Amino acid sequence: MLKTRMKRVGDHAVRRLAEIEASIANLSNEDLLDLADIFKAEPRSAIGDMGFVEMARRDISL
């Protein structure tokens, strides 16, 4: 029972992370730059890292 519940929680977390990554990828360049500006502090958070990876993919910078 516990193993099944943990798998369900893990599956939900993986889906949620994929949704967050997709949301970041779907931002306009201006909104992506705003996100990166908010999360630019070092050490960078996971969301900041995702934003900067997407910026690199688009070849844009702050």
PDB file of N, CA and C in Angstrom:
ATOM      1  N   MET A   1       0.826  -1.199   0.000  1.00  0.00           N
ATOM      2  CA  MET A   1       0.000   0.000   0.000  1.00  0.00           C
ATOM      3  C   MET A   1       0.872   1.265   0.000  1.00  0.00           C
ATOM      4  N   LEU A   2       1.836   1.317   0.915  1.00  0.00           N
ATOM      5  CA  LEU A   2       2.702   2.491   1.002  1.00  0.00           C
ATOM      6  C   LEU A   2       3.522   2.649  -0.281  1.00  0.00           C
ATOM      7  N   LYS A   3       3.996   1.527  -0.815  1.00  0.00           N
ATOM      8  CA  LYS A   3       4.779   1.578  -2.046  1.00  0.00           C
ATOM      9  C   LYS A   3       3.950   2.139  -3.195  1.00  0.00           C
ATOM     10  N   THR A   4       2.680   1.734  -3.285  1.00  0.00           N
ATOM     11  CA  THR A   4       1.778   2.226  -4.319  1.00  0.00           C
ATOM     12  C   THR A   4       1.543   3.721  -4.147  1.00  0.00           C
ATOM     13  N   ARG A   5       1.331   4.147  -2.917  1.00  0.00           N
ATOM     14  CA  ARG A   5       1.106   5.572  -2.645  1.00  0.00           C
ATOM     15  C   ARG A   5       2.335   6.400  -3.006  1.00  0.00           C
ATOM     16  N   MET A   6       3.516   5.917  -2.646  1.00  0.00           N
ATOM     17  CA  MET A   6       4.743   6.642  -2.958  1.00  0.00           C
ATOM     18  C   MET A   6       4.944   6.737  -4.467  1.00  0.00           C
ATOM     19  N   LYS A   7       4.622   5.679  -5.197  1.00  0.00           N
ATOM     20  CA  LYS A   7       4.738   5.715  -6.648  1.00  0.00           C
ATOM     21  C   LYS A   7       3.784   6.747  -7.224  1.00  0.00           C
ATOM     22  N   ARG A   8       2.568   6.809  -6.690  1.00  0.00           N
ATOM     23  CA  ARG A   8       1.591   7.778  -7.152  1.00  0.00           C
ATOM     24  C   ARG A   8       2.077   9.201  -6.897  1.00  0.00           C
ATOM     25  N   VAL A   9       2.635   9.429  -5.716  1.00  0.00           N
ATOM     26  CA  VAL A   9       3.171  10.758  -5.385  1.00  0.00           C
ATOM     27  C   VAL A   9       4.329  11.096  -6.316  1.00  0.00           C
ATOM     28  N   GLY A  10       5.211  10.127  -6.573  1.00  0.00           N
ATOM     29  CA  GLY A  10       6.334  10.345  -7.477  1.00  0.00           C
ATOM     30  C   GLY A  10       5.865  10.634  -8.890  1.00  0.00           C
ATOM     31  N   ASP A  11       4.870   9.895  -9.358  1.00  0.00           N
ATOM     32  CA  ASP A  11       4.331  10.128 -10.699  1.00  0.00           C
ATOM     33  C   ASP A  11       3.731  11.522 -10.800  1.00  0.00           C
ATOM     34  N   HIS A  12       3.035  11.944  -9.749  1.00  0.00           N
ATOM     35  CA  HIS A  12       2.435  13.281  -9.746  1.00  0.00           C
ATOM     36  C   HIS A  12       3.536  14.352  -9.785  1.00  0.00           C
ATOM     37  N   ALA A  13       4.585  14.144  -9.028  1.00  0.00           N
ATOM     38  CA  ALA A  13       5.684  15.117  -8.995  1.00  0.00           C
ATOM     39  C   ALA A  13       6.357  15.221 -10.370  1.00  0.00           C
ATOM     40  N   VAL A  14       6.557  14.110 -11.031  1.00  0.00           N
ATOM     41  CA  VAL A  14       7.176  14.115 -12.353  1.00  0.00           C
ATOM     42  C   VAL A  14       6.281  14.842 -13.352  1.00  0.00           C
ATOM     43  N   ARG A  15       4.974  14.575 -13.295  1.00  0.00           N
ATOM     44  CA  ARG A  15       4.033  15.269 -14.187  1.00  0.00           C
ATOM     45  C   ARG A  15       4.040  16.763 -13.920  1.00  0.00           C
ATOM     46  N   ARG A  16       4.034  17.136 -12.658  1.00  0.00           N
ATOM     47  CA  ARG A  16       3.993  18.550 -12.284  1.00  0.00           C
ATOM     48  C   ARG A  16       5.256  19.268 -12.753  1.00  0.00           C
ATOM     49  N   LEU A  17       6.409  18.624 -12.589  1.00  0.00           N
ATOM     50  CA  LEU A  17       7.659  19.214 -13.047  1.00  0.00           C
ATOM     51  C   LEU A  17       7.640  19.400 -14.566  1.00  0.00           C
ATOM     52  N   ALA A  18       7.128  18.429 -15.284  1.00  0.00           N
ATOM     53  CA  ALA A  18       7.022  18.548 -16.742  1.00  0.00           C
ATOM     54  C   ALA A  18       6.115  19.712 -17.123  1.00  0.00           C
ATOM     55  N   GLU A  19       5.028  19.919 -16.370  1.00  0.00           N
ATOM     56  CA  GLU A  19       4.125  21.047 -16.629  1.00  0.00           C
ATOM     57  C   GLU A  19       4.840  22.375 -16.389  1.00  0.00           C
ATOM     58  N   ILE A  20       5.648  22.448 -15.350  1.00  0.00           N
ATOM     59  CA  ILE A  20       6.390  23.672 -15.048  1.00  0.00           C
ATOM     60  C   ILE A  20       7.399  23.952 -16.157  1.00  0.00           C
ATOM     61  N   GLU A  21       8.131  22.924 -16.575  1.00  0.00           N
ATOM     62  CA  GLU A  21       9.102  23.095 -17.663  1.00  0.00           C
ATOM     63  C   GLU A  21       8.413  23.540 -18.947  1.00  0.00           C
ATOM     64  N   ALA A  22       7.265  22.960 -19.251  1.00  0.00           N
ATOM     65  CA  ALA A  22       6.519  23.342 -20.458  1.00  0.00           C
ATOM     66  C   ALA A  22       6.033  24.784 -20.355  1.00  0.00           C
ATOM     67  N   SER A  23       5.602  25.192 -19.173  1.00  0.00           N
ATOM     68  CA  SER A  23       5.140  26.571 -18.972  1.00  0.00           C
ATOM     69  C   SER A  23       6.272  27.557 -19.216  1.00  0.00           C
ATOM     70  N   ILE A  24       7.457  27.232 -18.730  1.00  0.00           N
ATOM     71  CA  ILE A  24       8.603  28.109 -18.940  1.00  0.00           C
ATOM     72  C   ILE A  24       8.957  28.168 -20.424  1.00  0.00           C
ATOM     73  N   ALA A  25       8.922  27.022 -21.090  1.00  0.00           N
ATOM     74  CA  ALA A  25       9.242  26.980 -22.519  1.00  0.00           C
ATOM     75  C   ALA A  25       8.223  27.753 -23.342  1.00  0.00           C
ATOM     76  N   ASN A  26       6.998  27.871 -22.864  1.00  0.00           N
ATOM     77  CA  ASN A  26       5.939  28.564 -23.603  1.00  0.00           C
ATOM     78  C   ASN A  26       5.888  30.071 -23.341  1.00  0.00           C
ATOM     79  N   LEU A  27       6.748  30.573 -22.455  1.00  0.00           N
ATOM     80  CA  LEU A  27       6.760  32.007 -22.185  1.00  0.00           C
ATOM     81  C   LEU A  27       7.280  32.769 -23.398  1.00  0.00           C
ATOM     82  N   SER A  28       6.779  33.984 -23.573  1.00  0.00           N
ATOM     83  CA  SER A  28       7.339  34.865 -24.610  1.00  0.00           C
ATOM     84  C   SER A  28       8.738  35.267 -24.162  1.00  0.00           C
ATOM     85  N   ASN A  29       9.551  35.763 -25.081  1.00  0.00           N
ATOM     86  CA  ASN A  29      10.913  36.184 -24.731  1.00  0.00           C
ATOM     87  C   ASN A  29      10.914  37.219 -23.608  1.00  0.00           C
ATOM     88  N   GLU A  30      10.019  38.175 -23.688  1.00  0.00           N
ATOM     89  CA  GLU A  30       9.958  39.226 -22.663  1.00  0.00           C
ATOM     90  C   GLU A  30       9.621  38.642 -21.293  1.00  0.00           C
ATOM     91  N   ASP A  31       8.647  37.752 -21.254  1.00  0.00           N
ATOM     92  CA  ASP A  31       8.266  37.133 -19.982  1.00  0.00           C
ATOM     93  C   ASP A  31       9.372  36.224 -19.460  1.00  0.00           C
ATOM     94  N   LEU A  32      10.064  35.535 -20.355  1.00  0.00           N
ATOM     95  CA  LEU A  32      11.181  34.682 -19.954  1.00  0.00           C
ATOM     96  C   LEU A  32      12.302  35.522 -19.347  1.00  0.00           C
ATOM     97  N   LEU A  33      12.575  36.671 -19.942  1.00  0.00           N
ATOM     98  CA  LEU A  33      13.587  37.565 -19.384  1.00  0.00           C
ATOM     99  C   LEU A  33      13.162  38.095 -18.015  1.00  0.00           C
ATOM    100  N   ASP A  34      11.884  38.391 -17.847  1.00  0.00           N
ATOM    101  CA  ASP A  34      11.377  38.815 -16.532  1.00  0.00           C
ATOM    102  C   ASP A  34      11.574  37.704 -15.502  1.00  0.00           C
ATOM    103  N   LEU A  35      11.253  36.465 -15.878  1.00  0.00           N
ATOM    104  CA  LEU A  35      11.421  35.326 -14.973  1.00  0.00           C
ATOM    105  C   LEU A  35      12.890  35.173 -14.589  1.00  0.00           C
ATOM    106  N   ALA A  36      13.765  35.249 -15.577  1.00  0.00           N
ATOM    107  CA  ALA A  36      15.200  35.118 -15.313  1.00  0.00           C
ATOM    108  C   ALA A  36      15.693  36.240 -14.401  1.00  0.00           C
ATOM    109  N   ASP A  37      15.181  37.433 -14.588  1.00  0.00           N
ATOM    110  CA  ASP A  37      15.578  38.562 -13.747  1.00  0.00           C
ATOM    111  C   ASP A  37      15.156  38.331 -12.298  1.00  0.00           C
ATOM    112  N   ILE A  38      13.976  37.766 -12.109  1.00  0.00           N
ATOM    113  CA  ILE A  38      13.479  37.484 -10.757  1.00  0.00           C
ATOM    114  C   ILE A  38      14.326  36.417 -10.077  1.00  0.00           C
ATOM    115  N   PHE A  39      14.717  35.387 -10.824  1.00  0.00           N
ATOM    116  CA  PHE A  39      15.409  34.232 -10.244  1.00  0.00           C
ATOM    117  C   PHE A  39      16.904  34.203 -10.558  1.00  0.00           C
ATOM    118  N   LYS A  40      17.532  35.372 -10.772  1.00  0.00           N
ATOM    119  CA  LYS A  40      18.945  35.406 -11.151  1.00  0.00           C
ATOM    120  C   LYS A  40      19.900  35.302  -9.966  1.00  0.00           C
ATOM    121  N   ALA A  41      19.403  35.399  -8.752  1.00  0.00           N
ATOM    122  CA  ALA A  41      20.267  35.368  -7.574  1.00  0.00           C
ATOM    123  C   ALA A  41      21.064  34.060  -7.517  1.00  0.00           C
ATOM    124  N   GLU A  42      22.278  34.160  -7.021  1.00  0.00           N
ATOM    125  CA  GLU A  42      23.134  32.975  -6.864  1.00  0.00           C
ATOM    126  C   GLU A  42      23.078  32.512  -5.420  1.00  0.00           C
ATOM    127  N   PRO A  43      23.079  31.276  -5.095  1.00  0.00           N
ATOM    128  CA  PRO A  43      22.949  30.171  -6.056  1.00  0.00           C
ATOM    129  C   PRO A  43      21.546  30.150  -6.641  1.00  0.00           C
ATOM    130  N   ARG A  44      21.477  29.836  -7.916  1.00  0.00           N
ATOM    131  CA  ARG A  44      20.210  29.852  -8.637  1.00  0.00           C
ATOM    132  C   ARG A  44      19.290  28.741  -8.172  1.00  0.00           C
ATOM    133  N   SER A  45      18.012  29.068  -8.138  1.00  0.00           N
ATOM    134  CA  SER A  45      17.007  28.063  -7.803  1.00  0.00           C
ATOM    135  C   SER A  45      16.751  27.187  -9.018  1.00  0.00           C
ATOM    136  N   ALA A  46      15.983  26.134  -8.817  1.00  0.00           N
ATOM    137  CA  ALA A  46      15.647  25.229  -9.921  1.00  0.00           C
ATOM    138  C   ALA A  46      14.886  25.972 -11.015  1.00  0.00           C
ATOM    139  N   ILE A  47      13.971  26.855 -10.640  1.00  0.00           N
ATOM    140  CA  ILE A  47      13.217  27.618 -11.641  1.00  0.00           C
ATOM    141  C   ILE A  47      14.152  28.560 -12.393  1.00  0.00           C
ATOM    142  N   GLY A  48      15.073  29.178 -11.680  1.00  0.00           N
ATOM    143  CA  GLY A  48      16.059  30.032 -12.340  1.00  0.00           C
ATOM    144  C   GLY A  48      16.892  29.257 -13.342  1.00  0.00           C
ATOM    145  N   ASP A  49      17.320  28.064 -12.953  1.00  0.00           N
ATOM    146  CA  ASP A  49      18.089  27.227 -13.874  1.00  0.00           C
ATOM    147  C   ASP A  49      17.280  26.890 -15.119  1.00  0.00           C
ATOM    148  N   MET A  50      16.011  26.534 -14.933  1.00  0.00           N
ATOM    149  CA  MET A  50      15.157  26.209 -16.076  1.00  0.00           C
ATOM    150  C   MET A  50      15.023  27.413 -17.006  1.00  0.00           C
ATOM    151  N   GLY A  51      14.851  28.584 -16.415  1.00  0.00           N
ATOM    152  CA  GLY A  51      14.723  29.800 -17.211  1.00  0.00           C
ATOM    153  C   GLY A  51      15.981  30.106 -17.999  1.00  0.00           C
ATOM    154  N   PHE A  52      17.135  29.973 -17.354  1.00  0.00           N
ATOM    155  CA  PHE A  52      18.385  30.266 -18.044  1.00  0.00           C
ATOM    156  C   PHE A  52      18.706  29.227 -19.117  1.00  0.00           C
ATOM    157  N   VAL A  53      18.328  27.984 -18.904  1.00  0.00           N
ATOM    158  CA  VAL A  53      18.498  26.961 -19.947  1.00  0.00           C
ATOM    159  C   VAL A  53      17.646  27.317 -21.165  1.00  0.00           C
ATOM    160  N   GLU A  54      16.414  27.736 -20.916  1.00  0.00           N
ATOM    161  CA  GLU A  54      15.525  28.117 -22.025  1.00  0.00           C
ATOM    162  C   GLU A  54      16.053  29.358 -22.744  1.00  0.00           C
ATOM    163  N   MET A  55      16.599  30.313 -21.993  1.00  0.00           N
ATOM    164  CA  MET A  55      17.190  31.509 -22.611  1.00  0.00           C
ATOM    165  C   MET A  55      18.362  31.121 -23.507  1.00  0.00           C
ATOM    166  N   ALA A  56      19.195  30.203 -23.035  1.00  0.00           N
ATOM    167  CA  ALA A  56      20.333  29.752 -23.842  1.00  0.00           C
ATOM    168  C   ALA A  56      19.841  29.072 -25.112  1.00  0.00           C
ATOM    169  N   ARG A  57      18.781  28.283 -24.991  1.00  0.00           N
ATOM    170  CA  ARG A  57      18.233  27.599 -26.162  1.00  0.00           C
ATOM    171  C   ARG A  57      17.757  28.610 -27.198  1.00  0.00           C
ATOM    172  N   ARG A  58      17.176  29.721 -26.717  1.00  0.00           N
ATOM    173  CA  ARG A  58      16.666  30.770 -27.620  1.00  0.00           C
ATOM    174  C   ARG A  58      17.741  31.776 -28.016  1.00  0.00           C
ATOM    175  N   ASP A  59      18.915  31.666 -27.429  1.00  0.00           N
ATOM    176  CA  ASP A  59      20.026  32.576 -27.685  1.00  0.00           C
ATOM    177  C   ASP A  59      19.666  34.016 -27.306  1.00  0.00           C
ATOM    178  N   ILE A  60      19.085  34.179 -26.097  1.00  0.00           N
ATOM    179  CA  ILE A  60      18.808  35.506 -25.559  1.00  0.00           C
ATOM    180  C   ILE A  60      19.471  35.610 -24.184  1.00  0.00           C
ATOM    181  N   SER A  61      19.723  36.826 -23.731  1.00  0.00           N
ATOM    182  CA  SER A  61      20.337  37.012 -22.420  1.00  0.00           C
ATOM    183  C   SER A  61      19.813  38.286 -21.773  1.00  0.00           C
ATOM    184  N   LEU A  62      20.052  38.367 -20.470  1.00  0.00           N
ATOM    185  CA  LEU A  62      19.630  39.557 -19.719  1.00  0.00           C
ATOM    186  C   LEU A  62      20.482  40.746 -20.090  1.00  0.00           C
TER     187      LEU A  62
END
